[in-house]
Amino acid sequence: MTEQNKNELKKKKWPVINQKECAGCSVCVEACPMECLRIGMPKFRGDIHTTAELAKPDCCTGCGICAQNCPIRAIVMTEKNDK
């Protein structure tokens, strides 16, 4: 792998889900072509608030389709720099 390819992988964007804003509607889960997202379990018994979460980060390509399809803009694509 060339140095340029390694740098491109290091700068890949990742979805960051605002757990307070997410309504758990699953639009992003359905839109993800790589099936990386899922709706998580409630935090405690009796809780009705579920949210999206990145379940398979290794499969994520950083395409941003989840963020584009989120109806309340609870997902933001940010650069993830691994060293």
C-alpha atoms as a PDB file:
ATOM      1  CA  MET A   1       0.000   0.000   0.000  1.00  0.00           C
ATOM      2  CA  THR A   2       1.405   3.387  -0.962  1.00  0.00           C
ATOM      3  CA  GLU A   3       1.912   6.206   1.500  1.00  0.00           C
ATOM      4  CA  GLN A   4      -0.834   8.216  -0.230  1.00  0.00           C
ATOM      5  CA  ASN A   5      -3.347   5.366   0.221  1.00  0.00           C
ATOM      6  CA  LYS A   6      -2.430   5.071   3.899  1.00  0.00           C
ATOM      7  CA  ASN A   7      -3.010   8.815   4.363  1.00  0.00           C
ATOM      8  CA  GLU A   8      -6.388   8.588   2.614  1.00  0.00           C
ATOM      9  CA  LEU A   9      -7.464   5.783   4.952  1.00  0.00           C
ATOM     10  CA  LYS A  10      -6.381   7.806   7.974  1.00  0.00           C
ATOM     11  CA  LYS A  11      -8.539  10.748   6.864  1.00  0.00           C
ATOM     12  CA  LYS A  12     -11.677   8.709   6.261  1.00  0.00           C
ATOM     13  CA  LYS A  13     -14.838  10.285   7.637  1.00  0.00           C
ATOM     14  CA  TRP A  14     -16.949   8.502  10.207  1.00  0.00           C
ATOM     15  CA  PRO A  15     -20.529   9.033  11.362  1.00  0.00           C
ATOM     16  CA  VAL A  16     -20.922  10.540  14.813  1.00  0.00           C
ATOM     17  CA  ILE A  17     -24.440  10.196  16.155  1.00  0.00           C
ATOM     18  CA  ASN A  18     -25.752  12.761  18.618  1.00  0.00           C
ATOM     19  CA  GLN A  19     -27.449  10.436  21.106  1.00  0.00           C
ATOM     20  CA  LYS A  20     -29.488  13.262  22.652  1.00  0.00           C
ATOM     21  CA  GLU A  21     -30.923  14.335  19.299  1.00  0.00           C
ATOM     22  CA  CYS A  22     -31.406  10.923  17.673  1.00  0.00           C
ATOM     23  CA  ALA A  23     -35.028   9.778  17.641  1.00  0.00           C
ATOM     24  CA  GLY A  24     -34.278   6.160  16.737  1.00  0.00           C
ATOM     25  CA  CYS A  25     -36.373   6.347  13.582  1.00  0.00           C
ATOM     26  CA  SER A  26     -34.036   3.922  11.690  1.00  0.00           C
ATOM     27  CA  VAL A  27     -33.962   5.956   8.464  1.00  0.00           C
ATOM     28  CA  CYS A  28     -30.162   5.955   8.615  1.00  0.00           C
ATOM     29  CA  VAL A  29     -30.078   2.199   9.264  1.00  0.00           C
ATOM     30  CA  GLU A  30     -32.167   1.546   6.164  1.00  0.00           C
ATOM     31  CA  ALA A  31     -30.110   3.976   4.054  1.00  0.00           C
ATOM     32  CA  CYS A  32     -26.668   2.566   4.950  1.00  0.00           C
ATOM     33  CA  PRO A  33     -25.422   0.502   1.988  1.00  0.00           C
ATOM     34  CA  MET A  34     -22.863  -1.336   4.152  1.00  0.00           C
ATOM     35  CA  GLU A  35     -25.284  -2.209   6.989  1.00  0.00           C
ATOM     36  CA  CYS A  36     -22.997  -0.586   9.571  1.00  0.00           C
ATOM     37  CA  LEU A  37     -25.683   1.024  11.705  1.00  0.00           C
ATOM     38  CA  ARG A  38     -28.301  -0.442  14.002  1.00  0.00           C
ATOM     39  CA  ILE A  39     -30.858   0.784  16.501  1.00  0.00           C
ATOM     40  CA  GLY A  40     -29.501   0.143  19.977  1.00  0.00           C
ATOM     41  CA  MET A  41     -31.246  -1.145  23.033  1.00  0.00           C
ATOM     42  CA  PRO A  42     -32.847   1.228  25.556  1.00  0.00           C
ATOM     43  CA  LYS A  43     -30.495   2.358  28.331  1.00  0.00           C
ATOM     44  CA  PHE A  44     -32.622   0.977  31.157  1.00  0.00           C
ATOM     45  CA  ARG A  45     -35.793  -1.039  31.731  1.00  0.00           C
ATOM     46  CA  GLY A  46     -38.834   1.086  30.970  1.00  0.00           C
ATOM     47  CA  ASP A  47     -36.897   3.497  28.746  1.00  0.00           C
ATOM     48  CA  ILE A  48     -38.584   4.094  25.396  1.00  0.00           C
ATOM     49  CA  HIS A  49     -35.751   6.137  23.835  1.00  0.00           C
ATOM     50  CA  THR A  50     -33.638   4.148  21.411  1.00  0.00           C
ATOM     51  CA  THR A  51     -30.922   5.585  19.212  1.00  0.00           C
ATOM     52  CA  ALA A  52     -28.845   4.636  16.221  1.00  0.00           C
ATOM     53  CA  GLU A  53     -25.319   3.391  16.769  1.00  0.00           C
ATOM     54  CA  LEU A  54     -22.362   2.431  14.620  1.00  0.00           C
ATOM     55  CA  ALA A  55     -22.412  -1.342  15.036  1.00  0.00           C
ATOM     56  CA  LYS A  56     -19.769  -2.321  12.471  1.00  0.00           C
ATOM     57  CA  PRO A  57     -17.134   0.426  12.285  1.00  0.00           C
ATOM     58  CA  ASP A  58     -14.794  -1.804  10.258  1.00  0.00           C
ATOM     59  CA  CYS A  59     -17.376  -2.034   7.464  1.00  0.00           C
ATOM     60  CA  CYS A  60     -18.049   1.714   7.299  1.00  0.00           C
ATOM     61  CA  THR A  61     -16.762   3.338   4.114  1.00  0.00           C
ATOM     62  CA  GLY A  62     -17.420   6.897   5.267  1.00  0.00           C
ATOM     63  CA  CYS A  63     -19.829   7.551   2.399  1.00  0.00           C
ATOM     64  CA  GLY A  64     -22.066   9.868   4.438  1.00  0.00           C
ATOM     65  CA  ILE A  65     -25.353   8.454   3.170  1.00  0.00           C
ATOM     66  CA  CYS A  66     -26.555   7.960   6.741  1.00  0.00           C
ATOM     67  CA  ALA A  67     -25.936  11.621   7.588  1.00  0.00           C
ATOM     68  CA  GLN A  68     -27.573  12.797   4.361  1.00  0.00           C
ATOM     69  CA  ASN A  69     -30.708  10.778   5.042  1.00  0.00           C
ATOM     70  CA  CYS A  70     -31.134  11.625   8.736  1.00  0.00           C
ATOM     71  CA  PRO A  71     -34.351  13.688   8.865  1.00  0.00           C
ATOM     72  CA  ILE A  72     -33.320  15.573  12.017  1.00  0.00           C
ATOM     73  CA  ARG A  73     -29.591  15.910  11.219  1.00  0.00           C
ATOM     74  CA  ALA A  74     -28.488  13.926  14.291  1.00  0.00           C
ATOM     75  CA  ILE A  75     -25.554  12.408  12.364  1.00  0.00           C
ATOM     76  CA  VAL A  76     -22.434  14.351  11.441  1.00  0.00           C
ATOM     77  CA  MET A  77     -19.528  13.006   9.412  1.00  0.00           C
ATOM     78  CA  THR A  78     -16.196  13.785  11.073  1.00  0.00           C
ATOM     79  CA  GLU A  79     -12.633  12.930  10.175  1.00  0.00           C
ATOM     80  CA  LYS A  80     -11.118  10.132  12.172  1.00  0.00           C
ATOM     81  CA  ASN A  81      -7.342  10.245  12.295  1.00  0.00           C
ATOM     82  CA  ASP A  82      -5.807   6.977  13.429  1.00  0.00           C
ATOM     83  CA  LYS A  83      -2.103   7.013  14.095  1.00  0.00           C
END
